[in-house]
Amino acid sequence: MAQINNNGTARSVTTKDFNERVKRALVDKRDPQPRAKPAPRRFQTAARASAN
């Protein structure tokens, strides 16, 4: 059996492999911040503005 000489150097990782690992790591994680509710819209209609 041939042995691969590894002197502590890092092996290269393809982009596809990296993305798959990240997806697997984040499967069970929740969003860190809950989504904010949209601010209520406060605008005046033309009918109310002309009543003044």
Protein backbone atom coordinates (compact mmCIF):
# COMPACT_ATOMS: atom_id res chain seq x y z
CA MET A 1 0.00 0.00 0.00
CA ALA A 2 1.39 3.40 -0.97
CA GLN A 3 1.58 6.09 1.65
CA ILE A 4 1.06 9.76 0.92
CA ASN A 5 3.68 11.99 2.50
CA ASN A 6 1.88 14.73 4.44
CA ASN A 7 4.16 17.30 6.02
CA GLY A 8 1.35 19.22 7.67
CA THR A 9 0.35 21.08 4.53
CA ALA A 10 -3.28 21.80 3.85
CA ARG A 11 -5.04 20.01 1.05
CA SER A 12 -6.89 22.09 -1.51
CA VAL A 13 -10.68 22.02 -1.36
CA THR A 14 -12.85 22.65 -4.38
CA THR A 15 -15.58 25.28 -4.27
CA LYS A 16 -18.24 22.60 -4.71
CA ASP A 17 -16.91 20.58 -1.75
CA PHE A 18 -16.73 23.70 0.42
CA ASN A 19 -20.32 24.71 -0.40
CA GLU A 20 -21.58 21.19 0.37
CA ARG A 21 -19.82 21.22 3.74
CA VAL A 22 -21.28 24.61 4.62
CA LYS A 23 -24.77 23.49 3.66
CA ARG A 24 -24.45 20.40 5.86
CA ALA A 25 -23.17 22.49 8.76
CA LEU A 26 -26.01 25.00 8.52
CA VAL A 27 -28.91 22.56 8.08
CA ASP A 28 -30.06 22.59 11.70
CA LYS A 29 -29.07 26.16 12.53
CA ARG A 30 -31.74 28.79 13.10
CA ASP A 31 -31.60 32.38 11.91
CA PRO A 32 -29.50 34.39 14.39
CA GLN A 33 -31.95 37.29 14.37
CA PRO A 34 -35.72 37.11 13.93
CA ARG A 35 -37.07 38.96 10.97
CA ALA A 36 -38.19 42.49 11.77
CA LYS A 37 -41.79 43.47 11.13
CA PRO A 38 -42.21 46.07 8.42
CA ALA A 39 -42.90 49.58 9.72
CA PRO A 40 -46.51 50.74 9.34
CA ARG A 41 -47.07 53.13 6.49
CA ARG A 42 -48.13 56.57 7.66
CA PHE A 43 -49.04 58.66 4.72
CA GLN A 44 -51.94 60.97 4.10
CA THR A 45 -54.28 60.57 1.20
CA ALA A 46 -55.14 63.52 -1.02
CA ALA A 47 -58.72 63.65 0.39
CA ARG A 48 -57.50 64.18 3.97
CA ALA A 49 -54.91 66.77 2.94
CA SER A 50 -57.51 68.92 1.12
CA ALA A 51 -59.95 68.83 4.09
CA ASN A 52 -57.66 71.07 6.17
